[in-house]
Structure formats: structure tokens, C-alpha cells
C-alpha atoms as a PDB file:
ATOM      1  CA  MET A   1       4.182 -16.990   9.597  1.00  0.00           C
ATOM      2  CA  SER A   2       1.746 -19.490   8.232  1.00  0.00           C
ATOM      3  CA  SER A   3      -1.614 -21.268  10.037  1.00  0.00           C
ATOM      4  CA  GLU A   4      -5.082 -21.801   9.232  1.00  0.00           C
ATOM      5  CA  ASN A   5      -8.042 -19.919   9.989  1.00  0.00           C
ATOM      6  CA  SER A   6     -11.435 -21.466  11.165  1.00  0.00           C
ATOM      7  CA  LEU A   7     -12.256 -22.313   7.389  1.00  0.00           C
ATOM      8  CA  GLY A   8      -8.903 -24.262   7.088  1.00  0.00           C
ATOM      9  CA  TRP A   9      -7.538 -21.414   4.647  1.00  0.00           C
ATOM     10  CA  PRO A  10      -3.999 -20.818   5.015  1.00  0.00           C
ATOM     11  CA  ILE A  11      -3.091 -17.370   6.623  1.00  0.00           C
ATOM     12  CA  ILE A  12       0.140 -16.360   5.027  1.00  0.00           C
ATOM     13  CA  TYR A  13       0.741 -12.855   6.787  1.00  0.00           C
ATOM     14  CA  ALA A  14       1.553 -11.670  10.421  1.00  0.00           C
ATOM     15  CA  PRO A  15      -2.241 -10.519  11.466  1.00  0.00           C
ATOM     16  CA  LEU A  16      -2.479  -6.742  11.843  1.00  0.00           C
ATOM     17  CA  LYS A  17      -2.988  -5.461  15.327  1.00  0.00           C
ATOM     18  CA  GLU A  18      -6.577  -4.716  15.896  1.00  0.00           C
ATOM     19  CA  TYR A  19      -6.953  -0.934  15.672  1.00  0.00           C
ATOM     20  CA  SER A  20     -10.707  -0.266  16.055  1.00  0.00           C
ATOM     21  CA  SER A  21     -13.658  -1.468  18.213  1.00  0.00           C
ATOM     22  CA  SER A  22     -14.862  -3.224  15.298  1.00  0.00           C
ATOM     23  CA  LYS A  23     -14.208  -6.833  14.779  1.00  0.00           C
ATOM     24  CA  SER A  24     -11.643  -7.391  11.882  1.00  0.00           C
ATOM     25  CA  VAL A  25     -11.785 -10.573  10.072  1.00  0.00           C
ATOM     26  CA  SER A  26      -8.887 -12.905   9.066  1.00  0.00           C
ATOM     27  CA  TRP A  27      -7.688 -12.173   5.683  1.00  0.00           C
ATOM     28  CA  SER A  28      -5.819 -14.778   3.528  1.00  0.00           C
ATOM     29  CA  PHE A  29      -3.758 -13.447   0.290  1.00  0.00           C
ATOM     30  CA  SER A  30      -4.800 -16.395  -1.626  1.00  0.00           C
ATOM     31  CA  HIS A  31      -8.625 -16.022  -0.572  1.00  0.00           C
ATOM     32  CA  LEU A  32      -9.397 -12.310  -0.803  1.00  0.00           C
ATOM     33  CA  PRO A  33     -13.129 -11.846  -1.477  1.00  0.00           C
ATOM     34  CA  ASP A  34     -13.980 -10.239  -4.927  1.00  0.00           C
ATOM     35  CA  ASN A  35     -15.276  -6.957  -2.724  1.00  0.00           C
ATOM     36  CA  VAL A  36     -11.644  -5.855  -1.604  1.00  0.00           C
ATOM     37  CA  LEU A  37     -10.384  -3.211  -3.525  1.00  0.00           C
ATOM     38  CA  ARG A  38      -6.864  -4.308  -4.486  1.00  0.00           C
ATOM     39  CA  VAL A  39      -3.832  -1.998  -4.769  1.00  0.00           C
ATOM     40  CA  TYR A  40      -0.337  -2.829  -6.204  1.00  0.00           C
ATOM     41  CA  THR A  41       2.510  -0.442  -5.136  1.00  0.00           C
ATOM     42  CA  ASP A  42       6.129   0.136  -6.000  1.00  0.00           C
ATOM     43  CA  ALA A  43       9.042   2.638  -5.793  1.00  0.00           C
ATOM     44  CA  SER A  44      12.243   2.436  -7.775  1.00  0.00           C
ATOM     45  CA  GLY A  45      15.223   5.073  -7.637  1.00  0.00           C
ATOM     46  CA  VAL A  46      13.345   7.307  -9.858  1.00  0.00           C
ATOM     47  CA  GLY A  47       9.752   7.161  -8.644  1.00  0.00           C
ATOM     48  CA  MET A  48       7.002   5.602  -7.104  1.00  0.00           C
ATOM     49  CA  GLY A  49       3.603   3.953  -8.695  1.00  0.00           C
ATOM     50  CA  TYR A  50       0.542   2.290  -7.548  1.00  0.00           C
ATOM     51  CA  TRP A  51      -2.190   0.740  -9.611  1.00  0.00           C
ATOM     52  CA  PHE A  52      -5.961  -0.231  -9.076  1.00  0.00           C
ATOM     53  CA  PRO A  53      -6.552  -3.288 -11.518  1.00  0.00           C
ATOM     54  CA  SER A  54     -10.209  -3.227 -11.020  1.00  0.00           C
ATOM     55  CA  LEU A  55     -10.223   0.290 -12.375  1.00  0.00           C
ATOM     56  CA  ASN A  56      -7.140  -0.360 -14.548  1.00  0.00           C
ATOM     57  CA  ILE A  57      -5.782   3.257 -13.485  1.00  0.00           C
ATOM     58  CA  GLY A  58      -2.255   3.841 -12.247  1.00  0.00           C
ATOM     59  CA  PHE A  59      -0.608   6.564 -10.636  1.00  0.00           C
ATOM     60  CA  GLN A  60       3.108   7.922 -10.511  1.00  0.00           C
ATOM     61  CA  SER A  61       5.349  10.317  -8.857  1.00  0.00           C
ATOM     62  CA  PRO A  62       8.579  11.352  -8.559  1.00  0.00           C
ATOM     63  CA  LEU A  63      10.551  10.764  -5.221  1.00  0.00           C
ATOM     64  CA  PRO A  64      10.121  13.671  -3.258  1.00  0.00           C
ATOM     65  CA  GLY A  65      13.596  15.250  -2.137  1.00  0.00           C
ATOM     66  CA  SER A  66      13.234  14.820   1.762  1.00  0.00           C
ATOM     67  CA  ALA A  67      13.685  11.506   2.893  1.00  0.00           C
ATOM     68  CA  PRO A  68      15.974   9.560   4.967  1.00  0.00           C
ATOM     69  CA  THR A  69      18.937   8.572   2.811  1.00  0.00           C
ATOM     70  CA  GLY A  70      20.309   5.613   1.447  1.00  0.00           C
ATOM     71  CA  THR A  71      17.308   3.292   1.609  1.00  0.00           C
ATOM     72  CA  ILE A  72      14.370   2.440  -1.007  1.00  0.00           C
ATOM     73  CA  PHE A  73      12.210   1.249   2.136  1.00  0.00           C
ATOM     74  CA  TYR A  74      11.159   4.865   2.812  1.00  0.00           C
ATOM     75  CA  PHE A  75       9.826   5.074  -0.675  1.00  0.00           C
ATOM     76  CA  GLU A  76       8.126   1.791  -0.679  1.00  0.00           C
ATOM     77  CA  ALA A  77       6.356   2.808   2.556  1.00  0.00           C
ATOM     78  CA  LEU A  78       5.172   6.207   1.306  1.00  0.00           C
ATOM     79  CA  ALA A  79       4.081   4.314  -2.027  1.00  0.00           C
ATOM     80  CA  VAL A  80       1.893   2.289   0.161  1.00  0.00           C
ATOM     81  CA  THR A  81       0.443   5.368   2.270  1.00  0.00           C
ATOM     82  CA  SER A  82      -0.144   7.005  -0.872  1.00  0.00           C
ATOM     83  CA  ALA A  83      -2.316   4.395  -2.428  1.00  0.00           C
ATOM     84  CA  LEU A  84      -4.069   4.069   0.831  1.00  0.00           C
ATOM     85  CA  LEU A  85      -4.972   7.476   1.107  1.00  0.00           C
ATOM     86  CA  ASP A  86      -6.320   7.276  -2.463  1.00  0.00           C
ATOM     87  CA  ALA A  87      -8.188   4.056  -1.637  1.00  0.00           C
ATOM     88  CA  VAL A  88      -9.743   5.582   1.190  1.00  0.00           C
ATOM     89  CA  ALA A  89     -11.281   8.241  -0.857  1.00  0.00           C
ATOM     90  CA  ARG A  90     -12.855   5.742  -3.253  1.00  0.00           C
ATOM     91  CA  LEU A  91     -14.392   3.502  -0.410  1.00  0.00           C
ATOM     92  CA  ILE A  92     -17.343   3.504   1.882  1.00  0.00           C
ATOM     93  CA  PRO A  93     -17.283   2.946   5.804  1.00  0.00           C
ATOM     94  CA  GLY A  94     -16.895  -1.005   6.198  1.00  0.00           C
ATOM     95  CA  GLN A  95     -15.272  -1.610   3.135  1.00  0.00           C
ATOM     96  CA  ARG A  96     -11.750  -3.428   2.763  1.00  0.00           C
ATOM     97  CA  VAL A  97      -8.325  -2.421   0.912  1.00  0.00           C
ATOM     98  CA  ALA A  98      -5.513  -4.909   0.214  1.00  0.00           C
ATOM     99  CA  ILE A  99      -2.316  -3.417  -0.530  1.00  0.00           C
ATOM    100  CA  PHE A 100       0.375  -5.399  -2.442  1.00  0.00           C
ATOM    101  CA  THR A 101       3.918  -4.457  -2.457  1.00  0.00           C
ATOM    102  CA  ASP A 102       7.342  -6.340  -3.206  1.00  0.00           C
ATOM    103  CA  ASN A 103       9.287  -5.111  -0.121  1.00  0.00           C
ATOM    104  CA  LEU A 104       8.984  -7.185   2.825  1.00  0.00           C
ATOM    105  CA  ASN A 105      10.096  -4.243   5.423  1.00  0.00           C
ATOM    106  CA  THR A 106       7.094  -2.409   4.278  1.00  0.00           C
ATOM    107  CA  VAL A 107       4.820  -5.374   4.881  1.00  0.00           C
ATOM    108  CA  ALA A 108       6.046  -5.893   8.449  1.00  0.00           C
ATOM    109  CA  MET A 109       5.809  -2.142   9.200  1.00  0.00           C
ATOM    110  CA  PHE A 110       2.210  -1.992   8.356  1.00  0.00           C
ATOM    111  CA  ASN A 111       1.411  -5.240   9.547  1.00  0.00           C
ATOM    112  CA  SER A 112       2.960  -4.916  12.951  1.00  0.00           C
ATOM    113  CA  LEU A 113       2.259  -1.071  13.359  1.00  0.00           C
ATOM    114  CA  ALA A 114       5.728  -0.760  14.322  1.00  0.00           C
ATOM    115  CA  ALA A 115       8.397   1.460  12.645  1.00  0.00           C
ATOM    116  CA  LEU A 116      11.835   3.392  13.316  1.00  0.00           C
ATOM    117  CA  PRO A 117      11.217   7.080  14.115  1.00  0.00           C
ATOM    118  CA  PRO A 118      11.551   8.346  10.657  1.00  0.00           C
ATOM    119  CA  TYR A 119       8.725   6.126   9.272  1.00  0.00           C
ATOM    120  CA  ASN A 120       6.226   6.461  12.101  1.00  0.00           C
ATOM    121  CA  TRP A 121       4.627   9.332  10.671  1.00  0.00           C
ATOM    122  CA  LEU A 122       3.499   7.325   7.519  1.00  0.00           C
ATOM    123  CA  LEU A 123       2.104   4.680  10.083  1.00  0.00           C
ATOM    124  CA  MET A 124       0.041   7.466  11.849  1.00  0.00           C
ATOM    125  CA  THR A 125      -1.088   8.836   8.547  1.00  0.00           C
ATOM    126  CA  ALA A 126      -2.291   5.385   7.200  1.00  0.00           C
ATOM    127  CA  VAL A 127      -3.980   4.603  10.698  1.00  0.00           C
ATOM    128  CA  ASP A 128      -5.673   8.027  10.968  1.00  0.00           C
ATOM    129  CA  SER A 129      -7.159   7.713   7.610  1.00  0.00           C
ATOM    130  CA  ILE A 130      -8.501   4.306   7.942  1.00  0.00           C
ATOM    131  CA  LEU A 131      -9.930   4.945  11.460  1.00  0.00           C
ATOM    132  CA  SER A 132     -11.951   8.083  10.032  1.00  0.00           C
ATOM    133  CA  ALA A 133     -13.032   6.077   7.017  1.00  0.00           C
ATOM    134  CA  GLN A 134     -13.992   3.309   9.119  1.00  0.00           C
ATOM    135  CA  LEU A 135     -12.391   0.745   6.750  1.00  0.00           C
ATOM    136  CA  ASP A 136     -10.080  -2.427   7.179  1.00  0.00           C
ATOM    137  CA  PHE A 137      -6.746  -3.124   5.474  1.00  0.00           C
ATOM    138  CA  ARG A 138      -3.865  -5.332   5.011  1.00  0.00           C
ATOM    139  CA  VAL A 139      -0.640  -4.986   3.255  1.00  0.00           C
ATOM    140  CA  PHE A 140       0.591  -8.268   1.720  1.00  0.00           C
ATOM    141  CA  TYR A 141       4.027  -9.006   0.282  1.00  0.00           C
ATOM    142  CA  ILE A 142       4.126 -10.204  -3.707  1.00  0.00           C
ATOM    143  CA  LEU A 143       6.964 -11.193  -5.826  1.00  0.00           C
ATOM    144  CA  GLY A 144       8.297  -8.341  -7.878  1.00  0.00           C
ATOM    145  CA  VAL A 145       7.781 -10.691 -11.088  1.00  0.00           C
ATOM    146  CA  HIS A 146       4.001 -10.351 -10.198  1.00  0.00           C
ATOM    147  CA  ASN A 147       3.898  -6.750  -9.511  1.00  0.00           C
ATOM    148  CA  VAL A 148       4.940  -5.960 -13.136  1.00  0.00           C
ATOM    149  CA  ILE A 149       2.306  -2.656 -13.765  1.00  0.00           C
ATOM    150  CA  ALA A 150       3.282  -0.910 -10.344  1.00  0.00           C
ATOM    151  CA  ASP A 151       7.130  -1.473 -11.102  1.00  0.00           C
ATOM    152  CA  HIS A 152       6.791   0.124 -14.783  1.00  0.00           C
ATOM    153  CA  LEU A 153       4.894   3.189 -13.314  1.00  0.00           C
ATOM    154  CA  SER A 154       7.457   3.592 -10.512  1.00  0.00           C
ATOM    155  CA  ARG A 155      10.156   3.683 -13.485  1.00  0.00           C
ATOM    156  CA  TRP A 156       7.940   5.968 -15.595  1.00  0.00           C
ATOM    157  CA  LYS A 157       7.940   3.093 -18.287  1.00  0.00           C
ATOM    158  CA  ASN A 158       4.226   4.151 -19.225  1.00  0.00           C
ATOM    159  CA  ALA A 159       4.368   2.382 -22.587  1.00  0.00           C
ATOM    160  CA  GLU A 160       5.492  -0.889 -21.233  1.00  0.00           C
ATOM    161  CA  ALA A 161       2.701  -0.586 -18.519  1.00  0.00           C
ATOM    162  CA  CYS A 162      -0.119   0.044 -20.939  1.00  0.00           C
ATOM    163  CA  GLU A 163       1.213  -3.076 -23.153  1.00  0.00           C
ATOM    164  CA  VAL A 164       0.761  -5.468 -19.962  1.00  0.00           C
ATOM    165  CA  SER A 165      -2.520  -3.710 -19.070  1.00  0.00           C
ATOM    166  CA  PRO A 166      -4.352  -2.260 -22.274  1.00  0.00           C
ATOM    167  CA  GLY A 167      -6.679   0.753 -21.628  1.00  0.00           C
ATOM    168  CA  LEU A 168      -4.564   1.682 -18.718  1.00  0.00           C
ATOM    169  CA  THR A 169      -5.012   5.457 -17.862  1.00  0.00           C
ATOM    170  CA  ILE A 170      -2.067   6.999 -15.736  1.00  0.00           C
ATOM    171  CA  HIS A 171      -2.057  10.116 -13.557  1.00  0.00           C
ATOM    172  CA  PRO A 172       0.375  11.704 -11.452  1.00  0.00           C
ATOM    173  CA  PHE A 173       0.015  11.827  -7.622  1.00  0.00           C
ATOM    174  CA  GLN A 174       1.294  13.785  -4.990  1.00  0.00           C
ATOM    175  CA  PRO A 175       2.369  11.713  -1.784  1.00  0.00           C
ATOM    176  CA  PRO A 176       1.632  13.045   1.635  1.00  0.00           C
ATOM    177  CA  ARG A 177       3.850  15.382   3.300  1.00  0.00           C
ATOM    178  CA  ASN A 178       5.299  14.790   6.797  1.00  0.00           C
ATOM    179  CA  SER A 179       3.287  16.959   8.761  1.00  0.00           C
ATOM    180  CA  LEU A 180       5.220  15.805  12.105  1.00  0.00           C
ATOM    181  CA  GLU A 181       8.464  17.104  10.624  1.00  0.00           C
ATOM    182  CA  ALA A 182       6.895  20.531   9.921  1.00  0.00           C
ATOM    183  CA  SER A 183       5.205  21.099  13.160  1.00  0.00           C
ATOM    184  CA  ALA A 184       8.620  20.160  14.932  1.00  0.00           C
ATOM    185  CA  LYS A 185      10.558  22.962  13.475  1.00  0.00           C
END
């Protein structure tokens, strides 16, 4: 979807439904203010990764064993949720976070707040965390060729990631667990 906001800037995303009583401002991928925390995420067949460029820190995790089979989409969405939970811990109420992924299904899921049943817990976890922290967030699509560091982190190619972003520090992360599944048993 493409339109213009009141300033004439192109809006190149499907707007996130209002999820709080506070007024949410329109965001544009091409005109993000400097005070928006940016996070790049990716998943591969062997892991997940995310990177905060302004902090030059990256995180990586192996794929968890329990997940819907036959789709990378679940791991892409799990990487976005993991990055969002980390970002929430770094921000104060009223701030904003922009998360970039190269998976269009993940962008659509988070920006529409609609998902198939196996993915609902990811949305609920994300929304609960941003409401509790009083933050605003958007998920944007980015071409894979522009998501190099997160891609390297998800594939455990740490030397390559450090070549692209000198001084990068890399840490492990533990993705959130599906508490809905555990309570249903």
C-alpha cells in the first residue's frame, strides 16, 4: 500500500492498527526520525539473528526445536518478537522502535495484528510488551541484500558480520517460549 501522509511523505507500509489509547503517528520507512531505535532481524535454516546498528551489537540463537514444520516464516516472526522484547528493555515509555525483516509474511502479520493460530502467541507477546512499556513500533520490509548483518548472524557467520560492521559485538539470545502452549497441556 502506498499513499502520502499530511507532510506529503510516502507511506510505504500497511498502517498498524491502533493498539493503545495514545495517538500513534504515521511512520514512513524512508523518513524515520533519528530517535527511532532500529533493529534488523533475520532467520535462516540454522539460526536467528538481530542487530541494533546504532549500538553496533548483534544477537544470535539456534533455532528452537518446537515450531510449526516446513516454514521459515515462524522463525522470522520469532526473531522479530525476540528483537522487540530486547528493544523494549532498552527504551523508555513513549519511544519508538522500527524493526526490519526480509520476510513479507512477517511484516503483514505484525502490521495487521492478524495471524494463524500457531503464530498468535507471538503477536500477543509483542503487543503485551509494547503496551506494558508504552512504546510504539512498526515492522518494515527490507530487501535481503540490505539485511546483511542480521543474515550473517542468523547463519553463524560472525567473521563476515564483523567485516561489514567493524567493532560489532555479538551475544547469544534466548527466544521467548510459547507460554500459551505450555498452559494448554
